[in-house]
Amino acid sequence: MKISKIVVLLMLVASSVTAQQKPNILYIICDDLGYGDVQALNPEKGKILTPKIDAFAKESMTFTDAHSASAVCTPSRYAILTGRYSWRSRLQQGVLASGDELEPLIDKDQMTVPKMLKKAGYKTAAIGKWHLGFKFVDDEGKPVQVYDGKKVVGPAIGSTVPNGPVSRGFDSYIGFHHSRVMKTVIKDDKVVDKMEPIKMLQFLGDHAEDYITKASKTEEPFFMYLALNSPHSPVVPSKAWQGKSGMGAYADFVMETDDVVGRVLEALEKNGIADNTLVFFTSDNGCSAPVAKAGKLEKEFGHYPSADFRGYKSDIWEGGHRIPFIVRWPGKIEAGSKNDKLICQTSLMATSAAITGLDLGDSEGVDSYSILPMLENKKAKTDYNLVVHHSINGKFSIRNKKWKLELTPGSGGWSQPTDNKAIKENYPDIQLYNMKKDVEETTNVYNKHPKLVKKMTEQLKQIVENGRTTSGELQENDVTVDMFKKGLTKKAGAH
């Protein structure tokens, strides 16, 4: 009996140690921050000062060929939280807009990163922008109109959100839905306040710091999904940051974003949990050229928000979806290291599963590969042999280590030539670029490699039809997926 009690006690102690060793996981997602907006990633053509993120990079592994799953925000956020490309869902182009956002894009039965991590004993929190769909209802359960097509008309304080983040795996939530309704502050499942957008960034930073402070006093590990509102429009740097850059409001807002990121990282240090916290810093897609006034930044100040890459937010070209992706885990990740291997943000689910010893079911994280081996050894190979890109117009691209095939004649988005202009000017329907020699995507060599074009098209077709890119039981897409979308493209809005 005494021996049995000792064995049980040792088992309990071992279990407690294992629980304590599980790292906190913090995912910081900026909104429309370009690859070149981080000075550490763009030292020659980046003129906006980002000292806090640059210092973070020196302590971290920087991935230089990392991609969001889409060139706009709703689909990339869906992919981050589900490990599944959003074009497998009903959203085939653009973002959730007024009218179609009443039903969440993430199905109630879909496995999400927070749902999964809760099984491993994690507390889960979402702070900031959601933009994955939900509805507001009044006390009688009737839907509340939010946007009448011209202006925001509601909802009132006290309205309920029955199908928001806390219904998709998060224990707590505070934030807003998207930029058009940023004044509406939601806590868990209730509208609790109205706030001017200029206050939102600091508000989110405050709540992230407070959550970290409280979580550090408990034994449970946490997963925080911190989705900042900046530097997306409305471009509203707070008074203390206005004019700081000398390059306009967008650059001021990037600098304020850098400072808020620094505040959150400092909160980990102050509370003694930085060494046991895995931090991912990234952006949901590339810089929005119209919002940033990118042409002026480039010509007048020599600042290139997409660095050396072609295009911006919305585009199938690299500037649309090659994003900052910097990861810190003290003692596990080599500080100041760089990794040039191809990866996608869908990696969060499989990586978190690998860290916590969880197994993904056949229908879970179907496009997610763990990057844990690379975090522990930068020379490790990646399972992301193929990554699929998607533009605002729903145009597809597939990339391997060397080649990038784009099934569209134009940008797939807002940059010139747009798809419609490219069609009218008889551009080829396909673009193929050698990303080893031509990272700026200047020379279309599709006509020199017909066998390669055929092979990569078939690879994309297989990925689409299989319902997954990972190995496992074949899955169904939610709708029929049109890989080519030929013809003139309807304008897809984003906010």
Protein backbone atom coordinates (compact mmCIF):
# COMPACT_ATOMS: atom_id res chain seq x y z
CA MET A 1 0.00 0.00 0.00
CA LYS A 2 2.80 2.40 0.88
CA ILE A 3 4.55 1.67 -2.43
CA SER A 4 1.30 2.26 -4.34
CA LYS A 5 0.79 5.61 -2.62
CA ILE A 6 4.34 6.64 -3.48
CA VAL A 7 3.81 5.68 -7.14
CA VAL A 8 0.58 7.67 -7.30
CA LEU A 9 2.27 10.65 -5.66
CA LEU A 10 5.15 10.52 -8.13
CA MET A 11 2.68 10.33 -11.01
CA LEU A 12 0.84 13.39 -9.72
CA VAL A 13 4.10 15.32 -9.32
CA ALA A 14 5.18 14.36 -12.85
CA SER A 15 1.80 15.44 -14.20
CA SER A 16 2.10 18.78 -12.39
CA VAL A 17 5.60 19.37 -13.77
CA THR A 18 4.42 18.55 -17.30
CA ALA A 19 1.55 21.03 -16.96
CA GLN A 20 3.90 23.72 -15.75
CA GLN A 21 6.26 23.07 -18.67
CA LYS A 22 3.59 23.67 -21.29
CA PRO A 23 4.42 27.07 -22.73
CA ASN A 24 2.01 29.94 -22.86
CA ILE A 25 1.25 30.73 -26.50
CA LEU A 26 0.82 34.33 -27.62
CA TYR A 27 -0.17 35.20 -31.17
CA ILE A 28 0.16 38.90 -32.05
CA ILE A 29 -1.46 39.76 -35.38
CA CYS A 30 -1.14 43.25 -36.80
CA ASP A 31 -3.72 44.42 -39.33
CA ASP A 32 -2.31 45.25 -42.80
CA LEU A 33 1.28 45.63 -41.62
CA GLY A 34 3.53 45.19 -44.65
CA TYR A 35 6.63 43.01 -44.67
CA GLY A 36 8.69 46.12 -45.35
CA ASP A 37 7.08 48.14 -42.55
CA VAL A 38 9.29 46.29 -40.03
CA GLN A 39 12.70 47.88 -40.26
CA ALA A 40 14.52 44.70 -39.21
CA LEU A 41 13.06 42.98 -42.29
CA ASN A 42 13.70 45.89 -44.63
CA PRO A 43 16.84 47.67 -43.41
CA GLU A 44 17.62 49.50 -46.66
CA LYS A 45 14.11 50.47 -47.81
CA GLY A 46 12.34 50.64 -44.47
CA LYS A 47 12.32 54.14 -43.04
CA ILE A 48 9.71 53.81 -40.29
CA LEU A 49 11.29 53.23 -36.90
CA THR A 50 10.19 49.96 -35.24
CA PRO A 51 12.69 49.57 -32.36
CA LYS A 52 10.57 47.24 -30.19
CA ILE A 53 9.87 44.74 -32.97
CA ASP A 54 13.48 44.96 -34.15
CA ALA A 55 14.71 44.13 -30.63
CA PHE A 56 12.22 41.24 -30.49
CA ALA A 57 13.64 39.91 -33.79
CA LYS A 58 17.12 39.79 -32.25
CA GLU A 59 15.75 37.40 -29.61
CA SER A 60 13.79 35.31 -32.11
CA MET A 61 13.72 33.31 -35.32
CA THR A 62 12.68 35.42 -38.31
CA PHE A 63 11.00 33.63 -41.20
CA THR A 64 11.69 35.46 -44.45
CA ASP A 65 9.40 33.38 -46.69
CA ALA A 66 6.25 33.17 -44.55
CA HIS A 67 2.77 33.75 -45.98
CA SER A 68 -0.74 34.52 -44.86
CA ALA A 69 -3.32 32.17 -46.34
CA SER A 70 -4.97 35.07 -48.17
CA ALA A 71 -4.18 38.60 -49.28
CA VAL A 72 -7.07 39.97 -47.17
CA CYS A 73 -8.09 39.60 -43.58
CA THR A 74 -11.24 37.49 -43.02
CA PRO A 75 -9.88 34.47 -44.90
CA SER A 76 -6.41 34.69 -43.38
CA ARG A 77 -7.87 34.85 -39.85
CA TYR A 78 -10.07 31.85 -40.59
CA ALA A 79 -7.00 29.88 -41.69
CA ILE A 80 -4.97 30.89 -38.63
CA LEU A 81 -7.65 29.68 -36.21
CA THR A 82 -8.71 26.51 -38.06
CA GLY A 83 -5.59 25.37 -39.92
CA ARG A 84 -7.79 25.22 -43.02
CA TYR A 85 -7.66 27.37 -46.14
CA SER A 86 -10.71 29.64 -46.18
CA TRP A 87 -11.48 28.96 -49.85
CA ARG A 88 -12.67 25.56 -48.63
CA SER A 89 -15.49 27.47 -46.90
CA ARG A 90 -18.33 29.50 -48.39
CA LEU A 91 -16.08 32.56 -48.68
CA GLN A 92 -14.67 32.38 -52.21
CA GLN A 93 -13.47 35.96 -52.55
CA GLY A 94 -13.23 39.18 -50.56
CA VAL A 95 -14.08 39.40 -46.87
CA LEU A 96 -17.28 38.98 -44.89
CA ALA A 97 -19.41 42.00 -45.70
CA SER A 98 -22.69 43.40 -44.44
CA GLY A 99 -25.44 40.86 -44.86
CA ASP A 100 -23.33 37.71 -45.09
CA GLU A 101 -21.58 38.18 -41.74
CA LEU A 102 -24.56 37.18 -39.58
CA GLU A 103 -23.46 33.57 -39.72
CA PRO A 104 -19.89 32.93 -38.52
CA LEU A 105 -17.46 31.69 -41.14
CA ILE A 106 -16.13 29.18 -38.62
CA ASP A 107 -18.76 26.47 -38.22
CA LYS A 108 -19.83 25.76 -34.64
CA ASP A 109 -18.53 22.18 -34.92
CA GLN A 110 -15.20 23.19 -36.53
CA MET A 111 -12.11 22.49 -34.44
CA THR A 112 -10.23 25.71 -33.67
CA VAL A 113 -6.87 26.39 -32.05
CA PRO A 114 -8.48 27.57 -28.77
CA LYS A 115 -10.85 24.58 -28.64
CA MET A 116 -7.92 22.26 -29.15
CA LEU A 117 -5.69 23.93 -26.56
CA LYS A 118 -8.46 23.84 -23.96
CA LYS A 119 -8.21 20.05 -24.18
CA ALA A 120 -4.57 20.44 -23.10
CA GLY A 121 -5.53 22.52 -20.07
CA TYR A 122 -5.08 26.00 -21.54
CA LYS A 123 -7.08 29.09 -20.73
CA THR A 124 -7.89 30.89 -23.98
CA ALA A 125 -8.44 34.58 -24.66
CA ALA A 126 -9.14 36.63 -27.77
CA ILE A 127 -8.44 40.35 -27.70
CA GLY A 128 -9.08 42.70 -30.62
CA LYS A 129 -10.44 42.35 -34.13
CA TRP A 130 -12.63 39.36 -35.01
CA HIS A 131 -14.12 39.82 -38.51
CA LEU A 132 -15.16 36.20 -38.79
CA GLY A 133 -18.86 36.86 -38.59
CA PHE A 134 -21.43 37.11 -35.85
CA LYS A 135 -24.79 38.75 -35.27
CA PHE A 136 -26.13 41.14 -32.67
CA VAL A 137 -29.53 40.45 -31.09
CA ASP A 138 -31.73 42.39 -28.68
CA ASP A 139 -33.29 41.20 -25.42
CA GLU A 140 -35.96 39.33 -27.37
CA GLY A 141 -33.42 37.54 -29.53
CA LYS A 142 -34.24 39.54 -32.66
CA PRO A 143 -31.35 40.52 -34.95
CA VAL A 144 -30.14 44.11 -34.59
CA GLN A 145 -29.27 46.01 -37.75
CA VAL A 146 -25.69 47.27 -37.63
CA TYR A 147 -25.03 48.77 -41.05
CA ASP A 148 -27.68 50.07 -43.45
CA GLY A 149 -25.35 50.21 -46.46
CA LYS A 150 -24.40 53.83 -45.88
CA LYS A 151 -23.70 54.24 -42.20
CA VAL A 152 -23.41 52.34 -38.95
CA VAL A 153 -26.78 52.41 -37.15
CA GLY A 154 -26.16 50.20 -34.13
CA PRO A 155 -26.02 48.07 -32.07
CA ALA A 156 -26.96 49.47 -28.67
CA ILE A 157 -25.02 48.80 -25.48
CA GLY A 158 -26.47 45.65 -23.95
CA SER A 159 -26.99 43.86 -27.26
CA THR A 160 -25.93 40.23 -27.24
CA VAL A 161 -23.51 38.40 -29.55
CA PRO A 162 -24.72 34.77 -29.42
CA ASN A 163 -22.20 33.33 -31.90
CA GLY A 164 -18.97 35.25 -31.40
CA PRO A 165 -15.48 34.24 -30.23
CA VAL A 166 -16.62 32.71 -26.93
CA SER A 167 -18.78 30.30 -28.95
CA ARG A 168 -15.76 29.21 -31.00
CA GLY A 169 -13.37 28.13 -28.26
CA PHE A 170 -12.30 31.25 -26.41
CA ASP A 171 -12.94 31.52 -22.67
CA SER A 172 -12.97 35.31 -22.88
CA TYR A 173 -13.08 38.05 -25.49
CA ILE A 174 -12.82 41.79 -25.64
CA GLY A 175 -12.62 43.77 -28.84
CA PHE A 176 -14.57 44.73 -31.94
CA HIS A 177 -15.83 43.02 -35.05
CA HIS A 178 -14.21 45.01 -37.88
CA SER A 179 -13.22 48.55 -38.84
CA ARG A 180 -16.68 49.81 -39.83
CA VAL A 181 -18.07 48.99 -36.41
CA MET A 182 -14.93 49.64 -34.36
CA LYS A 183 -16.82 51.98 -32.03
CA THR A 184 -18.77 48.98 -30.73
CA VAL A 185 -16.83 47.30 -27.91
CA ILE A 186 -17.76 43.71 -27.11
CA LYS A 187 -16.86 41.84 -23.94
CA ASP A 188 -17.44 38.10 -24.13
CA ASP A 189 -20.94 38.06 -25.65
CA LYS A 190 -22.24 41.56 -24.82
CA VAL A 191 -21.88 45.05 -26.25
CA VAL A 192 -20.46 46.95 -23.28
CA ASP A 193 -19.28 50.32 -24.58
CA LYS A 194 -18.93 52.78 -27.44
CA MET A 195 -15.43 54.06 -28.12
CA GLU A 196 -13.77 56.32 -30.67
CA PRO A 197 -11.38 54.34 -32.90
CA ILE A 198 -8.44 56.55 -31.91
CA LYS A 199 -8.54 54.91 -28.45
CA MET A 200 -8.75 51.30 -29.65
CA LEU A 201 -5.07 50.40 -30.09
CA GLN A 202 -4.07 51.52 -26.60
CA PHE A 203 -7.23 49.90 -25.22
CA LEU A 204 -6.21 46.53 -26.68
CA GLY A 205 -2.67 46.94 -25.35
CA ASP A 206 -4.01 47.70 -21.88
CA HIS A 207 -6.20 44.59 -21.87
CA ALA A 208 -3.40 42.36 -23.13
CA GLU A 209 -1.09 43.61 -20.35
CA ASP A 210 -3.81 43.10 -17.75
CA TYR A 211 -4.56 39.56 -18.97
CA ILE A 212 -0.87 38.61 -18.85
CA THR A 213 -0.52 39.99 -15.32
CA LYS A 214 -3.50 38.00 -14.04
CA ALA A 215 -2.60 34.84 -15.97
CA SER A 216 0.93 34.86 -14.55
CA LYS A 217 -0.51 34.32 -11.09
CA THR A 218 -2.20 31.03 -12.04
CA GLU A 219 -0.77 27.60 -12.82
CA GLU A 220 -2.72 27.14 -16.05
CA PRO A 221 -0.96 27.94 -19.33
CA PHE A 222 -2.74 30.39 -21.62
CA PHE A 223 -3.27 30.97 -25.31
CA MET A 224 -3.83 34.62 -26.22
CA TYR A 225 -4.96 35.63 -29.71
CA LEU A 226 -4.15 39.35 -29.82
CA ALA A 227 -5.49 40.88 -33.03
CA LEU A 228 -4.53 44.55 -33.20
CA ASN A 229 -6.52 47.07 -35.23
CA SER A 230 -3.46 48.78 -36.67
CA PRO A 231 -2.18 50.04 -39.04
CA HIS A 232 -5.47 49.27 -40.88
CA SER A 233 -7.87 52.11 -41.60
CA PRO A 234 -9.11 54.20 -39.93
CA VAL A 235 -5.54 55.43 -39.58
CA VAL A 236 -5.82 57.06 -36.17
CA PRO A 237 -2.57 57.34 -34.24
CA SER A 238 -3.24 58.65 -30.76
CA LYS A 239 -2.27 62.21 -29.91
CA ALA A 240 1.05 61.19 -28.36
CA TRP A 241 2.12 59.59 -31.65
CA GLN A 242 0.83 62.11 -34.15
CA GLY A 243 3.71 63.55 -36.17
CA LYS A 244 6.30 61.22 -34.60
CA SER A 245 7.47 59.74 -37.89
CA GLY A 246 7.57 62.87 -39.99
CA MET A 247 6.15 60.74 -42.81
CA GLY A 248 2.41 61.00 -42.25
CA ALA A 249 -0.32 59.36 -40.22
CA TYR A 250 0.24 55.81 -41.48
CA ALA A 251 3.91 55.84 -40.46
CA ASP A 252 2.89 57.34 -37.08
CA PHE A 253 0.39 54.50 -36.64
CA VAL A 254 3.04 51.88 -37.45
CA MET A 255 5.31 53.42 -34.81
CA GLU A 256 2.52 53.34 -32.24
CA THR A 257 1.83 49.71 -33.17
CA ASP A 258 5.48 48.92 -32.53
CA ASP A 259 5.24 50.53 -29.11
CA VAL A 260 2.12 48.60 -28.12
CA VAL A 261 3.76 45.34 -29.20
CA GLY A 262 6.70 46.32 -26.99
CA ARG A 263 4.38 46.95 -24.05
CA VAL A 264 2.88 43.47 -24.37
CA LEU A 265 6.30 41.82 -24.57
CA GLU A 266 7.48 43.82 -21.56
CA ALA A 267 4.44 42.57 -19.60
CA LEU A 268 5.72 39.02 -20.08
CA GLU A 269 9.11 40.05 -18.68
CA LYS A 270 7.68 42.01 -15.73
CA ASN A 271 5.53 39.07 -14.70
CA GLY A 272 8.35 36.53 -14.99
CA ILE A 273 6.80 34.37 -17.71
CA ALA A 274 8.73 35.44 -20.83
CA ASP A 275 10.95 32.34 -20.72
CA ASN A 276 7.93 30.03 -20.79
CA THR A 277 5.95 31.89 -23.45
CA LEU A 278 6.06 31.11 -27.16
CA VAL A 279 5.38 34.37 -29.01
CA PHE A 280 4.41 34.62 -32.67
CA PHE A 281 4.45 38.09 -34.21
CA THR A 282 2.87 38.51 -37.64
CA SER A 283 0.35 40.36 -39.86
CA ASP A 284 -2.85 39.16 -41.49
CA ASN A 285 -1.75 40.25 -44.98
CA GLY A 286 0.34 42.87 -46.74
CA CYS A 287 0.16 46.65 -46.52
CA SER A 288 -2.89 48.38 -47.99
CA ALA A 289 -1.41 50.75 -50.57
CA PRO A 290 -4.37 53.19 -50.71
CA VAL A 291 -4.53 53.48 -46.91
CA ALA A 292 -0.78 53.85 -46.44
CA LYS A 293 -0.47 56.21 -49.42
CA ALA A 294 2.32 53.91 -50.47
CA GLY A 295 3.26 55.86 -53.59
CA LYS A 296 3.98 58.96 -51.51
CA LEU A 297 5.94 56.97 -48.92
CA GLU A 298 8.10 55.49 -51.65
CA LYS A 299 8.71 58.65 -53.67
CA GLU A 300 9.06 61.22 -50.90
CA PHE A 301 10.60 59.19 -48.08
CA GLY A 302 12.11 56.09 -49.68
CA HIS A 303 9.95 53.80 -47.54
CA TYR A 304 8.73 50.65 -49.31
CA PRO A 305 6.02 48.86 -47.29
CA SER A 306 6.38 45.70 -49.39
CA ALA A 307 10.20 45.87 -49.37
CA ASP A 308 11.45 44.35 -52.64
CA PHE A 309 8.25 42.46 -53.34
CA ARG A 310 5.64 43.25 -55.98
CA GLY A 311 2.12 44.25 -55.01
CA TYR A 312 0.21 45.00 -51.83
CA LYS A 313 -2.76 43.82 -49.82
CA SER A 314 -5.37 42.16 -52.06
CA ASP A 315 -2.86 40.93 -54.66
CA ILE A 316 -1.71 37.45 -55.65
CA TRP A 317 1.79 38.88 -55.91
CA GLU A 318 4.12 38.56 -52.92
CA GLY A 319 3.33 41.96 -51.40
CA GLY A 320 -0.22 40.74 -50.81
CA HIS A 321 0.63 37.77 -48.59
CA ARG A 322 4.35 37.59 -47.71
CA ILE A 323 4.20 38.85 -44.16
CA PRO A 324 6.35 39.45 -41.08
CA PHE A 325 6.62 36.22 -39.10
CA ILE A 326 8.90 36.33 -36.08
CA VAL A 327 8.89 33.69 -33.34
CA ARG A 328 10.46 33.77 -29.87
CA TRP A 329 10.76 30.94 -27.34
CA PRO A 330 13.73 31.49 -25.02
CA GLY A 331 15.92 28.43 -24.62
CA LYS A 332 14.15 26.63 -27.47
CA ILE A 333 14.65 28.95 -30.45
CA GLU A 334 18.04 30.28 -31.49
CA ALA A 335 18.04 34.04 -30.85
CA GLY A 336 18.74 36.20 -33.89
CA SER A 337 18.31 33.30 -36.30
CA LYS A 338 16.78 33.51 -39.77
CA ASN A 339 14.87 30.87 -41.67
CA ASP A 340 14.26 31.16 -45.41
CA LYS A 341 12.05 28.08 -45.74
CA LEU A 342 8.55 28.37 -47.18
CA ILE A 343 5.77 28.30 -44.54
CA CYS A 344 2.17 29.45 -44.10
CA GLN A 345 0.23 30.88 -41.15
CA THR A 346 -1.99 27.80 -41.20
CA SER A 347 0.87 26.28 -39.17
CA LEU A 348 -0.41 27.51 -35.80
CA MET A 349 -2.80 24.61 -35.18
CA ALA A 350 -0.42 21.73 -35.96
CA THR A 351 2.47 23.46 -34.21
CA SER A 352 0.40 23.98 -31.06
CA ALA A 353 -0.74 20.35 -31.20
CA ALA A 354 2.86 19.15 -31.48
CA ILE A 355 3.98 21.28 -28.55
CA THR A 356 1.21 20.03 -26.27
CA GLY A 357 1.21 16.40 -27.37
CA LEU A 358 -2.26 16.52 -28.90
CA ASP A 359 -3.30 14.55 -31.97
CA LEU A 360 -5.34 16.17 -34.74
CA GLY A 361 -8.34 14.28 -36.09
CA ASP A 362 -8.73 13.65 -39.82
CA SER A 363 -10.98 16.68 -40.25
CA GLU A 364 -8.86 19.01 -38.10
CA GLY A 365 -6.10 21.32 -39.31
CA VAL A 366 -6.30 19.87 -42.81
CA ASP A 367 -3.88 22.46 -44.24
CA SER A 368 -1.70 22.84 -41.16
CA TYR A 369 1.85 21.54 -40.81
CA SER A 370 3.85 21.85 -37.62
CA ILE A 371 6.87 24.13 -37.79
CA LEU A 372 8.10 22.95 -34.38
CA PRO A 373 11.07 21.08 -35.91
CA MET A 374 12.24 24.31 -37.58
CA LEU A 375 11.78 26.32 -34.39
CA GLU A 376 14.04 23.89 -32.58
CA ASN A 377 16.51 23.54 -35.46
CA LYS A 378 16.59 26.10 -38.27
CA LYS A 379 18.11 23.51 -40.61
CA ALA A 380 15.14 21.16 -40.22
CA LYS A 381 13.07 20.55 -43.33
CA THR A 382 9.58 21.95 -43.77
CA ASP A 383 6.53 19.90 -44.70
CA TYR A 384 5.21 22.96 -46.53
CA ASN A 385 6.38 21.67 -49.90
CA LEU A 386 3.42 23.44 -51.50
CA VAL A 387 1.60 26.55 -50.28
CA VAL A 388 -1.58 27.90 -51.87
CA HIS A 389 -2.07 31.66 -52.13
CA HIS A 390 -5.43 33.41 -52.64
CA SER A 391 -6.22 36.99 -53.66
CA ILE A 392 -9.14 39.27 -52.85
CA ASN A 393 -10.75 38.36 -56.19
CA GLY A 394 -10.48 34.67 -55.37
CA LYS A 395 -7.59 34.06 -57.76
CA PHE A 396 -5.31 31.14 -57.00
CA SER A 397 -1.57 30.68 -56.91
CA ILE A 398 0.53 27.68 -55.89
CA ARG A 399 4.11 27.89 -54.73
CA ASN A 400 6.89 25.40 -54.16
CA LYS A 401 10.40 26.21 -53.05
CA LYS A 402 11.48 27.60 -56.42
CA TRP A 403 8.42 28.21 -58.56
CA LYS A 404 5.21 30.21 -58.23
CA LEU A 405 2.29 29.60 -60.58
CA GLU A 406 -0.51 32.19 -60.69
CA LEU A 407 -3.82 31.38 -62.37
CA THR A 408 -4.67 34.95 -63.34
CA PRO A 409 -3.46 37.47 -65.92
CA GLY A 410 -3.23 40.41 -63.50
CA SER A 411 -2.68 41.20 -59.85
CA GLY A 412 -5.76 39.35 -58.63
CA GLY A 413 -6.45 42.46 -56.59
CA TRP A 414 -6.19 46.24 -56.64
CA SER A 415 -2.70 46.78 -58.05
CA GLN A 416 -2.13 47.49 -61.72
CA PRO A 417 -2.67 45.74 -63.96
CA THR A 418 -5.88 44.51 -62.37
CA ASP A 419 -7.36 41.31 -63.76
CA ASN A 420 -9.91 43.23 -65.82
CA LYS A 421 -7.25 45.46 -67.36
CA ALA A 422 -4.98 42.49 -68.02
CA ILE A 423 -7.80 40.65 -69.79
CA LYS A 424 -8.65 43.66 -71.95
CA GLU A 425 -4.98 44.06 -72.88
CA ASN A 426 -4.63 40.35 -73.74
CA TYR A 427 -2.16 39.40 -71.04
CA PRO A 428 -1.56 35.64 -70.76
CA ASP A 429 -4.02 33.82 -68.46
CA ILE A 430 -1.14 32.34 -66.44
CA GLN A 431 1.92 33.72 -64.70
CA LEU A 432 4.95 31.65 -63.71
CA TYR A 433 7.89 33.07 -61.80
CA ASN A 434 11.20 31.61 -60.69
CA MET A 435 11.27 32.82 -57.09
CA LYS A 436 14.96 31.99 -56.69
CA LYS A 437 15.98 34.32 -59.52
CA ASP A 438 13.01 36.69 -59.73
CA VAL A 439 11.52 37.38 -56.30
CA GLU A 440 10.14 40.68 -57.66
CA GLU A 441 7.97 38.75 -60.16
CA THR A 442 9.02 40.78 -63.18
CA THR A 443 9.52 38.08 -65.83
CA ASN A 444 6.66 35.73 -66.66
CA VAL A 445 8.21 32.50 -67.99
CA TYR A 446 5.05 30.38 -68.29
CA ASN A 447 5.60 29.77 -72.04
CA LYS A 448 9.07 28.34 -71.43
CA HIS A 449 7.91 25.66 -68.99
CA PRO A 450 4.65 24.08 -70.25
CA LYS A 451 5.28 20.77 -68.43
CA LEU A 452 5.88 22.57 -65.15
CA VAL A 453 2.72 24.66 -65.60
CA LYS A 454 0.74 21.47 -66.20
CA LYS A 455 2.30 19.70 -63.20
CA MET A 456 1.70 22.55 -60.76
CA THR A 457 -1.85 23.06 -62.02
CA GLU A 458 -2.52 19.38 -61.35
CA GLN A 459 -0.97 19.68 -57.89
CA LEU A 460 -3.29 22.57 -57.08
CA LYS A 461 -6.27 20.67 -58.46
CA GLN A 462 -5.43 17.72 -56.23
CA ILE A 463 -5.09 19.93 -53.14
CA VAL A 464 -8.49 21.47 -53.89
CA GLU A 465 -10.25 18.18 -54.64
CA ASN A 466 -8.73 16.26 -51.71
CA GLY A 467 -10.12 18.74 -49.21
CA ARG A 468 -6.71 18.89 -47.56
CA THR A 469 -2.99 19.36 -48.20
CA THR A 470 -1.86 17.21 -45.26
CA SER A 471 -1.96 13.42 -45.34
CA GLY A 472 -5.06 11.70 -44.04
CA GLU A 473 -8.61 10.81 -44.97
CA LEU A 474 -9.94 12.88 -47.86
CA GLN A 475 -12.27 15.70 -46.84
CA GLU A 476 -15.06 17.68 -48.48
CA ASN A 477 -14.92 21.40 -49.21
CA ASP A 478 -18.00 23.29 -48.06
CA VAL A 479 -18.78 24.46 -51.61
CA THR A 480 -17.63 23.78 -55.17
CA VAL A 481 -14.32 25.59 -55.72
CA ASP A 482 -13.58 27.24 -59.06
CA MET A 483 -9.81 27.29 -59.47
CA PHE A 484 -9.74 29.51 -62.56
CA LYS A 485 -12.47 32.15 -62.22
CA LYS A 486 -11.97 33.33 -65.77
CA GLY A 487 -13.63 36.43 -67.19
CA LEU A 488 -14.07 39.94 -65.85
CA THR A 489 -13.91 40.12 -62.09
CA LYS A 490 -16.48 41.79 -59.89
CA LYS A 491 -14.92 44.22 -57.45
CA ALA A 492 -14.47 42.60 -54.05
CA GLY A 493 -14.45 45.07 -51.19
CA ALA A 494 -12.42 44.87 -48.00
CA HIS A 495 -12.53 46.63 -44.66
